[in-house]
Amino acid sequence: MHAFLVSHKEDFQSVVDHLQKDFNALRTGRASPALVEDIKIQAYGAIMDIKSVASIMTQDAKTLVIEPWDKSMTQAIEKGIREANVGINPAVDGSTVRISLPQMTEENRRHLVKQMKEREEEAKVSARGVRENVREQVMAMEKAKEIGEDEKFKTLDELDKMTKEYTTRIEDMATKKEEEIMTV
């Protein structure tokens, strides 16, 4: 692989990593800290993630328990989750916040698959954007006589292969996530 492309491989990987994070936040019927950890709340005069002010545990397949490190943050966490409008209702239980996930309906599952497909398409568009950016750099390198025409074509061919590899990874992740969502 052309050394120039190796430096851009992490750009493609960051697209895949971002998509994985998005997919982790999608509810699949099982409780997961990823559902709430990135929800923003007002804490100490700043906007923070829940994971920055509390520990988030899975009590069972349908229940999350959020324990703030500072007990005065309990109400802020509850308010942040409600305002995030992610379809879950928190309940304050003393100094902890409990979230009991309702049973997923067929309609909810189909809606989630639709959201997941949108995120998959956004990731593919991002990967193509990375490809176009690198393509422009290769063309500029040829124009500046830093590389020859043969090397340009070879690099562009490797770039297309790399783009296809990452696009296939994105599609595989989406297929796996769809199966996870639709499994009752």
N, C-alpha and C. Protein backbone atom coordinates (compact mmCIF):
# COMPACT_ATOMS: atom_id res chain seq x y z
N MET A 1 0.84 -1.18 0.00
CA MET A 1 0.00 0.00 0.00
C MET A 1 0.89 1.24 0.00
N HIS A 2 0.50 2.20 -0.77
CA HIS A 2 1.25 3.45 -0.88
C HIS A 2 1.30 4.12 0.50
N ALA A 3 2.48 4.58 0.88
CA ALA A 3 2.68 5.19 2.20
C ALA A 3 1.72 6.36 2.43
N PHE A 4 1.43 7.08 1.36
CA PHE A 4 0.51 8.21 1.46
C PHE A 4 -0.87 7.74 1.94
N LEU A 5 -1.31 6.59 1.46
CA LEU A 5 -2.64 6.08 1.84
C LEU A 5 -2.68 5.58 3.28
N VAL A 6 -1.57 5.04 3.75
CA VAL A 6 -1.53 4.53 5.13
C VAL A 6 -1.88 5.65 6.11
N SER A 7 -1.41 6.86 5.82
CA SER A 7 -1.71 7.98 6.72
C SER A 7 -3.19 8.35 6.71
N HIS A 8 -3.92 7.96 5.68
CA HIS A 8 -5.36 8.28 5.60
C HIS A 8 -6.25 7.13 6.05
N LYS A 9 -5.64 6.00 6.33
CA LYS A 9 -6.41 4.84 6.79
C LYS A 9 -7.16 5.17 8.08
N GLU A 10 -6.54 5.96 8.97
CA GLU A 10 -7.19 6.31 10.23
C GLU A 10 -8.39 7.22 10.00
N ASP A 11 -8.42 7.97 8.88
CA ASP A 11 -9.60 8.77 8.56
C ASP A 11 -10.80 7.86 8.29
N PHE A 12 -10.54 6.80 7.52
CA PHE A 12 -11.60 5.82 7.27
C PHE A 12 -12.01 5.12 8.57
N GLN A 13 -11.01 4.77 9.38
CA GLN A 13 -11.30 4.07 10.63
C GLN A 13 -12.12 4.95 11.57
N SER A 14 -11.88 6.25 11.57
CA SER A 14 -12.65 7.12 12.45
C SER A 14 -14.12 7.17 12.03
N VAL A 15 -14.40 7.03 10.74
CA VAL A 15 -15.79 6.95 10.27
C VAL A 15 -16.44 5.69 10.85
N VAL A 16 -15.73 4.57 10.77
CA VAL A 16 -16.25 3.30 11.30
C VAL A 16 -16.43 3.38 12.82
N ASP A 17 -15.46 3.97 13.51
CA ASP A 17 -15.55 4.09 14.97
C ASP A 17 -16.74 4.96 15.38
N HIS A 18 -16.97 6.05 14.65
CA HIS A 18 -18.10 6.93 14.95
C HIS A 18 -19.42 6.18 14.74
N LEU A 19 -19.49 5.41 13.66
CA LEU A 19 -20.71 4.64 13.40
C LEU A 19 -20.94 3.61 14.51
N GLN A 20 -19.88 2.96 14.97
CA GLN A 20 -20.01 1.98 16.05
C GLN A 20 -20.56 2.64 17.30
N LYS A 21 -20.08 3.82 17.60
CA LYS A 21 -20.58 4.56 18.77
C LYS A 21 -22.06 4.90 18.59
N ASP A 22 -22.43 5.34 17.38
CA ASP A 22 -23.85 5.62 17.10
C ASP A 22 -24.69 4.36 17.27
N PHE A 23 -24.21 3.25 16.74
CA PHE A 23 -24.96 1.99 16.84
C PHE A 23 -25.09 1.54 18.28
N ASN A 24 -24.05 1.74 19.08
CA ASN A 24 -24.12 1.34 20.49
C ASN A 24 -25.20 2.12 21.24
N ALA A 25 -25.46 3.33 20.81
CA ALA A 25 -26.46 4.16 21.48
C ALA A 25 -27.88 3.82 21.05
N LEU A 26 -28.04 3.02 20.00
CA LEU A 26 -29.38 2.61 19.58
C LEU A 26 -29.89 1.51 20.49
N ARG A 27 -31.11 1.66 20.93
CA ARG A 27 -31.70 0.68 21.84
C ARG A 27 -32.09 -0.59 21.10
N THR A 28 -31.70 -1.71 21.61
CA THR A 28 -32.01 -2.97 20.94
C THR A 28 -32.89 -3.87 21.78
N GLY A 29 -33.46 -3.33 22.84
CA GLY A 29 -34.28 -4.16 23.71
C GLY A 29 -33.52 -4.61 24.94
N ARG A 30 -32.22 -4.44 24.92
CA ARG A 30 -31.38 -4.77 26.07
C ARG A 30 -30.84 -3.47 26.66
N ALA A 31 -30.78 -3.42 27.96
CA ALA A 31 -30.23 -2.24 28.64
C ALA A 31 -28.73 -2.18 28.39
N SER A 32 -28.25 -0.99 28.05
CA SER A 32 -26.83 -0.79 27.81
C SER A 32 -26.47 0.63 28.26
N PRO A 33 -25.37 0.79 28.98
CA PRO A 33 -24.96 2.13 29.40
C PRO A 33 -24.81 3.10 28.23
N ALA A 34 -24.50 2.57 27.04
CA ALA A 34 -24.32 3.43 25.86
C ALA A 34 -25.60 4.20 25.52
N LEU A 35 -26.75 3.73 25.99
CA LEU A 35 -28.01 4.42 25.72
C LEU A 35 -28.05 5.81 26.34
N VAL A 36 -27.37 5.99 27.48
CA VAL A 36 -27.48 7.27 28.20
C VAL A 36 -26.14 7.94 28.49
N GLU A 37 -25.02 7.26 28.32
CA GLU A 37 -23.76 7.81 28.79
C GLU A 37 -23.36 9.13 28.14
N ASP A 38 -23.78 9.37 26.91
CA ASP A 38 -23.40 10.60 26.23
C ASP A 38 -24.47 11.69 26.29
N ILE A 39 -25.56 11.45 27.03
CA ILE A 39 -26.59 12.47 27.19
C ILE A 39 -26.00 13.64 27.98
N LYS A 40 -26.25 14.83 27.48
CA LYS A 40 -25.70 16.04 28.10
C LYS A 40 -26.60 16.52 29.23
N ILE A 41 -25.96 16.94 30.32
CA ILE A 41 -26.69 17.49 31.47
C ILE A 41 -25.99 18.75 31.94
N GLN A 42 -26.73 19.56 32.69
CA GLN A 42 -26.17 20.76 33.29
C GLN A 42 -25.54 20.34 34.62
N ALA A 43 -24.23 20.48 34.74
CA ALA A 43 -23.53 20.08 35.97
C ALA A 43 -22.42 21.07 36.29
N TYR A 44 -22.44 21.56 37.50
CA TYR A 44 -21.39 22.46 37.98
C TYR A 44 -21.20 23.67 37.06
N GLY A 45 -22.31 24.19 36.53
CA GLY A 45 -22.24 25.36 35.67
C GLY A 45 -21.73 25.09 34.27
N ALA A 46 -21.66 23.83 33.88
CA ALA A 46 -21.18 23.47 32.55
C ALA A 46 -22.07 22.36 31.98
N ILE A 47 -21.93 22.09 30.71
CA ILE A 47 -22.63 20.98 30.06
C ILE A 47 -21.67 19.79 30.06
N MET A 48 -22.13 18.67 30.62
CA MET A 48 -21.29 17.48 30.73
C MET A 48 -22.07 16.24 30.31
N ASP A 49 -21.34 15.17 29.97
CA ASP A 49 -21.97 13.87 29.71
C ASP A 49 -22.31 13.23 31.04
N ILE A 50 -23.34 12.38 31.02
CA ILE A 50 -23.70 11.66 32.25
C ILE A 50 -22.52 10.81 32.72
N LYS A 51 -21.80 10.20 31.77
CA LYS A 51 -20.68 9.33 32.16
C LYS A 51 -19.58 10.10 32.89
N SER A 52 -19.59 11.44 32.79
CA SER A 52 -18.58 12.25 33.46
C SER A 52 -18.93 12.54 34.92
N VAL A 53 -20.20 12.30 35.30
CA VAL A 53 -20.63 12.64 36.66
C VAL A 53 -21.23 11.46 37.43
N ALA A 54 -21.31 10.29 36.78
CA ALA A 54 -21.96 9.15 37.44
C ALA A 54 -21.47 7.84 36.87
N SER A 55 -21.71 6.77 37.65
CA SER A 55 -21.44 5.44 37.11
C SER A 55 -22.78 4.89 36.60
N ILE A 56 -22.71 4.19 35.48
CA ILE A 56 -23.90 3.65 34.83
C ILE A 56 -23.75 2.14 34.78
N MET A 57 -24.72 1.46 35.39
CA MET A 57 -24.63 -0.01 35.45
C MET A 57 -25.89 -0.64 34.87
N THR A 58 -25.71 -1.84 34.35
CA THR A 58 -26.84 -2.62 33.88
C THR A 58 -27.24 -3.55 35.01
N GLN A 59 -28.45 -3.34 35.54
CA GLN A 59 -28.92 -4.19 36.63
C GLN A 59 -29.39 -5.54 36.10
N ASP A 60 -30.16 -5.48 35.02
CA ASP A 60 -30.60 -6.69 34.32
C ASP A 60 -30.84 -6.30 32.86
N ALA A 61 -31.41 -7.19 32.07
CA ALA A 61 -31.56 -6.94 30.63
C ALA A 61 -32.44 -5.73 30.32
N LYS A 62 -33.27 -5.31 31.26
CA LYS A 62 -34.22 -4.22 31.01
C LYS A 62 -34.02 -3.00 31.91
N THR A 63 -33.02 -3.02 32.80
CA THR A 63 -32.88 -1.94 33.77
C THR A 63 -31.46 -1.37 33.83
N LEU A 64 -31.39 -0.04 33.77
CA LEU A 64 -30.13 0.67 33.98
C LEU A 64 -30.20 1.40 35.31
N VAL A 65 -29.08 1.45 36.01
CA VAL A 65 -29.00 2.18 37.28
C VAL A 65 -27.86 3.19 37.14
N ILE A 66 -28.20 4.45 37.40
CA ILE A 66 -27.21 5.53 37.31
C ILE A 66 -26.98 6.05 38.73
N GLU A 67 -25.73 5.96 39.18
CA GLU A 67 -25.38 6.44 40.52
C GLU A 67 -24.44 7.63 40.39
N PRO A 68 -24.96 8.84 40.66
CA PRO A 68 -24.09 10.02 40.59
C PRO A 68 -23.04 9.98 41.69
N TRP A 69 -21.85 10.46 41.36
CA TRP A 69 -20.79 10.49 42.37
C TRP A 69 -21.09 11.59 43.40
N ASP A 70 -21.76 12.64 42.92
CA ASP A 70 -22.22 13.71 43.80
C ASP A 70 -23.74 13.60 43.84
N LYS A 71 -24.28 13.26 45.00
CA LYS A 71 -25.72 12.98 45.12
C LYS A 71 -26.59 14.16 44.69
N SER A 72 -26.04 15.38 44.72
CA SER A 72 -26.82 16.56 44.32
C SER A 72 -27.07 16.59 42.81
N MET A 73 -26.42 15.70 42.05
CA MET A 73 -26.58 15.66 40.59
C MET A 73 -27.77 14.81 40.15
N THR A 74 -28.42 14.11 41.09
CA THR A 74 -29.50 13.18 40.75
C THR A 74 -30.58 13.85 39.92
N GLN A 75 -31.08 15.01 40.37
CA GLN A 75 -32.16 15.70 39.66
C GLN A 75 -31.70 16.18 38.28
N ALA A 76 -30.46 16.65 38.18
CA ALA A 76 -29.93 17.12 36.89
C ALA A 76 -29.85 15.97 35.89
N ILE A 77 -29.47 14.79 36.36
CA ILE A 77 -29.39 13.61 35.49
C ILE A 77 -30.79 13.23 35.01
N GLU A 78 -31.74 13.19 35.95
CA GLU A 78 -33.11 12.85 35.56
C GLU A 78 -33.63 13.84 34.52
N LYS A 79 -33.44 15.13 34.76
CA LYS A 79 -33.91 16.18 33.85
C LYS A 79 -33.24 16.03 32.48
N GLY A 80 -31.93 15.78 32.47
CA GLY A 80 -31.20 15.63 31.21
C GLY A 80 -31.72 14.47 30.37
N ILE A 81 -32.02 13.36 31.03
CA ILE A 81 -32.53 12.19 30.31
C ILE A 81 -33.91 12.49 29.74
N ARG A 82 -34.76 13.13 30.53
CA ARG A 82 -36.11 13.48 30.04
C ARG A 82 -36.02 14.42 28.84
N GLU A 83 -35.15 15.43 28.94
CA GLU A 83 -35.04 16.42 27.88
C GLU A 83 -34.34 15.87 26.63
N ALA A 84 -33.59 14.80 26.77
CA ALA A 84 -32.91 14.21 25.62
C ALA A 84 -33.90 13.56 24.67
N ASN A 85 -35.09 13.28 25.16
CA ASN A 85 -36.17 12.74 24.34
C ASN A 85 -35.73 11.49 23.56
N VAL A 86 -35.18 10.53 24.29
CA VAL A 86 -34.73 9.28 23.67
C VAL A 86 -35.70 8.13 23.91
N GLY A 87 -36.89 8.46 24.41
CA GLY A 87 -37.92 7.44 24.57
C GLY A 87 -37.79 6.59 25.82
N ILE A 88 -37.08 7.08 26.82
CA ILE A 88 -36.97 6.34 28.07
C ILE A 88 -37.32 7.28 29.22
N ASN A 89 -37.96 6.71 30.26
CA ASN A 89 -38.37 7.51 31.41
C ASN A 89 -37.56 7.14 32.63
N PRO A 90 -36.79 8.10 33.13
CA PRO A 90 -36.01 7.85 34.34
C PRO A 90 -36.89 7.99 35.59
N ALA A 91 -36.54 7.28 36.63
CA ALA A 91 -37.23 7.39 37.91
C ALA A 91 -36.16 7.55 38.99
N VAL A 92 -36.33 8.57 39.83
CA VAL A 92 -35.38 8.78 40.92
C VAL A 92 -35.75 7.85 42.06
N ASP A 93 -34.72 7.13 42.54
CA ASP A 93 -34.90 6.18 43.63
C ASP A 93 -33.84 6.54 44.68
N GLY A 94 -34.20 7.46 45.57
CA GLY A 94 -33.22 7.94 46.55
C GLY A 94 -32.19 8.79 45.85
N SER A 95 -30.93 8.35 45.88
CA SER A 95 -29.87 9.12 45.21
C SER A 95 -29.45 8.48 43.89
N THR A 96 -30.22 7.50 43.41
CA THR A 96 -29.91 6.88 42.12
C THR A 96 -31.05 7.15 41.14
N VAL A 97 -30.73 6.99 39.87
CA VAL A 97 -31.73 7.14 38.82
C VAL A 97 -31.86 5.76 38.17
N ARG A 98 -33.09 5.27 38.11
CA ARG A 98 -33.36 3.97 37.49
C ARG A 98 -34.09 4.18 36.17
N ILE A 99 -33.72 3.38 35.21
CA ILE A 99 -34.40 3.42 33.92
C ILE A 99 -34.82 2.00 33.59
N SER A 100 -36.14 1.80 33.53
CA SER A 100 -36.69 0.50 33.13
C SER A 100 -37.12 0.63 31.67
N LEU A 101 -36.51 -0.16 30.84
CA LEU A 101 -36.82 -0.08 29.42
C LEU A 101 -38.10 -0.86 29.12
N PRO A 102 -39.02 -0.23 28.42
CA PRO A 102 -40.25 -0.94 28.06
C PRO A 102 -39.96 -2.00 26.99
N GLN A 103 -40.86 -2.94 26.87
CA GLN A 103 -40.73 -3.99 25.86
C GLN A 103 -40.76 -3.35 24.47
N MET A 104 -39.89 -3.79 23.60
CA MET A 104 -39.85 -3.25 22.24
C MET A 104 -41.00 -3.82 21.43
N THR A 105 -41.73 -2.94 20.74
CA THR A 105 -42.79 -3.39 19.85
C THR A 105 -42.22 -3.54 18.44
N GLU A 106 -42.97 -4.21 17.59
CA GLU A 106 -42.55 -4.38 16.20
C GLU A 106 -42.38 -3.00 15.54
N GLU A 107 -43.28 -2.08 15.85
CA GLU A 107 -43.21 -0.74 15.29
C GLU A 107 -41.93 -0.02 15.75
N ASN A 108 -41.61 -0.15 17.04
CA ASN A 108 -40.38 0.46 17.57
C ASN A 108 -39.15 -0.12 16.87
N ARG A 109 -39.16 -1.43 16.69
CA ARG A 109 -38.01 -2.09 16.05
C ARG A 109 -37.84 -1.59 14.62
N ARG A 110 -38.94 -1.46 13.90
CA ARG A 110 -38.85 -0.99 12.50
C ARG A 110 -38.36 0.46 12.45
N HIS A 111 -38.82 1.27 13.40
CA HIS A 111 -38.37 2.66 13.47
C HIS A 111 -36.86 2.72 13.77
N LEU A 112 -36.41 1.87 14.67
CA LEU A 112 -34.97 1.82 14.99
C LEU A 112 -34.14 1.39 13.79
N VAL A 113 -34.65 0.41 13.04
CA VAL A 113 -33.93 -0.05 11.85
C VAL A 113 -33.82 1.11 10.86
N LYS A 114 -34.90 1.89 10.74
CA LYS A 114 -34.88 3.05 9.84
C LYS A 114 -33.80 4.04 10.29
N GLN A 115 -33.74 4.33 11.59
CA GLN A 115 -32.70 5.23 12.12
C GLN A 115 -31.31 4.66 11.86
N MET A 116 -31.17 3.36 12.06
CA MET A 116 -29.89 2.71 11.87
C MET A 116 -29.45 2.81 10.40
N LYS A 117 -30.39 2.62 9.48
CA LYS A 117 -30.08 2.72 8.04
C LYS A 117 -29.64 4.13 7.68
N GLU A 118 -30.28 5.14 8.30
CA GLU A 118 -29.88 6.53 8.04
C GLU A 118 -28.44 6.75 8.50
N ARG A 119 -28.10 6.22 9.67
CA ARG A 119 -26.73 6.37 10.18
C ARG A 119 -25.74 5.61 9.32
N GLU A 120 -26.16 4.45 8.82
CA GLU A 120 -25.29 3.68 7.91
C GLU A 120 -25.00 4.51 6.66
N GLU A 121 -26.04 5.11 6.09
CA GLU A 121 -25.86 5.91 4.88
C GLU A 121 -24.97 7.13 5.15
N GLU A 122 -25.15 7.76 6.29
CA GLU A 122 -24.30 8.90 6.66
C GLU A 122 -22.83 8.47 6.74
N ALA A 123 -22.59 7.29 7.29
CA ALA A 123 -21.22 6.78 7.40
C ALA A 123 -20.63 6.50 6.01
N LYS A 124 -21.45 5.95 5.12
CA LYS A 124 -20.96 5.70 3.76
C LYS A 124 -20.63 7.01 3.06
N VAL A 125 -21.48 8.02 3.25
CA VAL A 125 -21.21 9.33 2.65
C VAL A 125 -19.91 9.90 3.22
N SER A 126 -19.69 9.74 4.52
CA SER A 126 -18.44 10.21 5.14
C SER A 126 -17.24 9.49 4.56
N ALA A 127 -17.36 8.18 4.36
CA ALA A 127 -16.25 7.41 3.79
C ALA A 127 -15.96 7.88 2.36
N ARG A 128 -17.01 8.14 1.60
CA ARG A 128 -16.80 8.65 0.23
C ARG A 128 -16.18 10.05 0.27
N GLY A 129 -16.53 10.82 1.28
CA GLY A 129 -15.93 12.15 1.45
C GLY A 129 -14.44 12.05 1.72
N VAL A 130 -14.06 11.08 2.56
CA VAL A 130 -12.64 10.85 2.82
C VAL A 130 -11.95 10.47 1.51
N ARG A 131 -12.60 9.58 0.74
CA ARG A 131 -12.02 9.15 -0.54
C ARG A 131 -11.81 10.35 -1.47
N GLU A 132 -12.81 11.21 -1.58
CA GLU A 132 -12.70 12.36 -2.47
C GLU A 132 -11.60 13.32 -2.02
N ASN A 133 -11.47 13.50 -0.72
CA ASN A 133 -10.43 14.36 -0.17
C ASN A 133 -9.05 13.81 -0.54
N VAL A 134 -8.86 12.51 -0.34
CA VAL A 134 -7.58 11.88 -0.66
C VAL A 134 -7.33 11.93 -2.16
N ARG A 135 -8.38 11.71 -2.94
CA ARG A 135 -8.28 11.76 -4.40
C ARG A 135 -7.76 13.12 -4.87
N GLU A 136 -8.33 14.18 -4.29
CA GLU A 136 -7.90 15.53 -4.65
C GLU A 136 -6.43 15.75 -4.29
N GLN A 137 -6.01 15.21 -3.16
CA GLN A 137 -4.61 15.34 -2.75
C GLN A 137 -3.69 14.61 -3.73
N VAL A 138 -4.11 13.43 -4.19
CA VAL A 138 -3.30 12.66 -5.14
C VAL A 138 -3.19 13.43 -6.45
N MET A 139 -4.31 14.00 -6.90
CA MET A 139 -4.29 14.77 -8.16
C MET A 139 -3.36 15.99 -8.02
N ALA A 140 -3.41 16.63 -6.86
CA ALA A 140 -2.55 17.79 -6.62
C ALA A 140 -1.08 17.37 -6.60
N MET A 141 -0.81 16.18 -6.04
CA MET A 141 0.57 15.68 -6.00
C MET A 141 1.07 15.44 -7.42
N GLU A 142 0.21 14.90 -8.30
CA GLU A 142 0.62 14.65 -9.67
C GLU A 142 0.87 15.98 -10.39
N LYS A 143 -0.05 16.92 -10.17
CA LYS A 143 0.07 18.23 -10.82
C LYS A 143 1.36 18.93 -10.39
N ALA A 144 1.74 18.74 -9.13
CA ALA A 144 2.97 19.35 -8.61
C ALA A 144 4.21 18.51 -8.96
N LYS A 145 4.00 17.47 -9.73
CA LYS A 145 5.08 16.58 -10.18
C LYS A 145 5.76 15.85 -9.02
N GLU A 146 5.01 15.63 -7.92
CA GLU A 146 5.55 14.86 -6.79
C GLU A 146 5.44 13.37 -7.05
N ILE A 147 4.48 13.00 -7.88
CA ILE A 147 4.32 11.59 -8.28
C ILE A 147 4.07 11.55 -9.78
N GLY A 148 4.37 10.41 -10.39
CA GLY A 148 4.13 10.24 -11.81
C GLY A 148 2.71 9.74 -12.07
N GLU A 149 2.36 9.68 -13.35
CA GLU A 149 1.02 9.26 -13.74
C GLU A 149 0.75 7.81 -13.34
N ASP A 150 1.73 6.92 -13.54
CA ASP A 150 1.56 5.51 -13.17
C ASP A 150 1.31 5.38 -11.68
N GLU A 151 2.10 6.11 -10.88
CA GLU A 151 1.94 6.04 -9.43
C GLU A 151 0.58 6.61 -9.02
N LYS A 152 0.13 7.65 -9.72
CA LYS A 152 -1.18 8.23 -9.43
C LYS A 152 -2.28 7.18 -9.62
N PHE A 153 -2.25 6.49 -10.77
CA PHE A 153 -3.28 5.49 -11.05
C PHE A 153 -3.22 4.33 -10.06
N LYS A 154 -2.01 3.92 -9.71
CA LYS A 154 -1.85 2.84 -8.74
C LYS A 154 -2.41 3.27 -7.37
N THR A 155 -2.10 4.49 -6.95
CA THR A 155 -2.57 5.01 -5.67
C THR A 155 -4.09 5.14 -5.67
N LEU A 156 -4.66 5.65 -6.77
CA LEU A 156 -6.12 5.79 -6.85
C LEU A 156 -6.82 4.43 -6.83
N ASP A 157 -6.19 3.43 -7.47
CA ASP A 157 -6.74 2.08 -7.45
C ASP A 157 -6.74 1.52 -6.01
N GLU A 158 -5.63 1.72 -5.31
CA GLU A 158 -5.54 1.27 -3.91
C GLU A 158 -6.55 2.02 -3.05
N LEU A 159 -6.75 3.30 -3.33
CA LEU A 159 -7.72 4.11 -2.59
C LEU A 159 -9.14 3.56 -2.79
N ASP A 160 -9.47 3.20 -4.03
CA ASP A 160 -10.80 2.63 -4.29
C ASP A 160 -10.99 1.31 -3.55
N LYS A 161 -9.93 0.49 -3.52
CA LYS A 161 -10.01 -0.78 -2.79
C LYS A 161 -10.21 -0.54 -1.29
N MET A 162 -9.48 0.46 -0.75
CA MET A 162 -9.60 0.78 0.67
C MET A 162 -11.01 1.29 0.97
N THR A 163 -11.53 2.14 0.10
CA THR A 163 -12.89 2.66 0.28
C THR A 163 -13.90 1.52 0.27
N LYS A 164 -13.75 0.59 -0.66
CA LYS A 164 -14.66 -0.56 -0.73
C LYS A 164 -14.56 -1.40 0.54
N GLU A 165 -13.34 -1.60 1.04
CA GLU A 165 -13.13 -2.38 2.27
C GLU A 165 -13.89 -1.76 3.44
N TYR A 166 -13.76 -0.44 3.60
CA TYR A 166 -14.43 0.22 4.73
C TYR A 166 -15.94 0.31 4.52
N THR A 167 -16.37 0.48 3.28
CA THR A 167 -17.81 0.49 3.01
C THR A 167 -18.42 -0.87 3.33
N THR A 168 -17.69 -1.93 3.01
CA THR A 168 -18.16 -3.28 3.33
C THR A 168 -18.23 -3.48 4.84
N ARG A 169 -17.26 -2.95 5.57
CA ARG A 169 -17.30 -3.03 7.04
C ARG A 169 -18.56 -2.33 7.57
N ILE A 170 -18.85 -1.16 7.02
CA ILE A 170 -20.03 -0.40 7.45
C ILE A 170 -21.29 -1.21 7.18
N GLU A 171 -21.39 -1.82 6.00
CA GLU A 171 -22.56 -2.63 5.65
C GLU A 171 -22.68 -3.84 6.57
N ASP A 172 -21.55 -4.47 6.88
CA ASP A 172 -21.57 -5.64 7.77
C ASP A 172 -22.03 -5.25 9.17
N MET A 173 -21.55 -4.09 9.65
CA MET A 173 -21.97 -3.61 10.97
C MET A 173 -23.48 -3.36 10.98
N ALA A 174 -23.98 -2.77 9.90
CA ALA A 174 -25.41 -2.46 9.81
C ALA A 174 -26.25 -3.74 9.77
N THR A 175 -25.80 -4.73 9.04
CA THR A 175 -26.52 -6.00 8.96
C THR A 175 -26.60 -6.65 10.34
N LYS A 176 -25.47 -6.65 11.03
CA LYS A 176 -25.42 -7.24 12.37
C LYS A 176 -26.33 -6.48 13.34
N LYS A 177 -26.31 -5.15 13.26
CA LYS A 177 -27.13 -4.33 14.15
C LYS A 177 -28.62 -4.53 13.84
N GLU A 178 -28.96 -4.66 12.57
CA GLU A 178 -30.36 -4.88 12.21
C GLU A 178 -30.86 -6.21 12.78
N GLU A 179 -30.04 -7.25 12.70
CA GLU A 179 -30.41 -8.54 13.27
C GLU A 179 -30.63 -8.41 14.78
N GLU A 180 -29.72 -7.66 15.42
CA GLU A 180 -29.81 -7.44 16.88
C GLU A 180 -31.11 -6.71 17.23
N ILE A 181 -31.46 -5.69 16.46
CA ILE A 181 -32.67 -4.92 16.73
C ILE A 181 -33.92 -5.76 16.51
N MET A 182 -33.95 -6.54 15.45
CA MET A 182 -35.16 -7.28 15.10
C MET A 182 -35.34 -8.57 15.89
N THR A 183 -34.31 -8.99 16.63
CA THR A 183 -34.42 -10.20 17.44
C THR A 183 -35.25 -9.91 18.67
N VAL A 184 -36.32 -10.67 18.83
CA VAL A 184 -37.23 -10.45 19.96
C VAL A 184 -36.73 -11.21 21.17
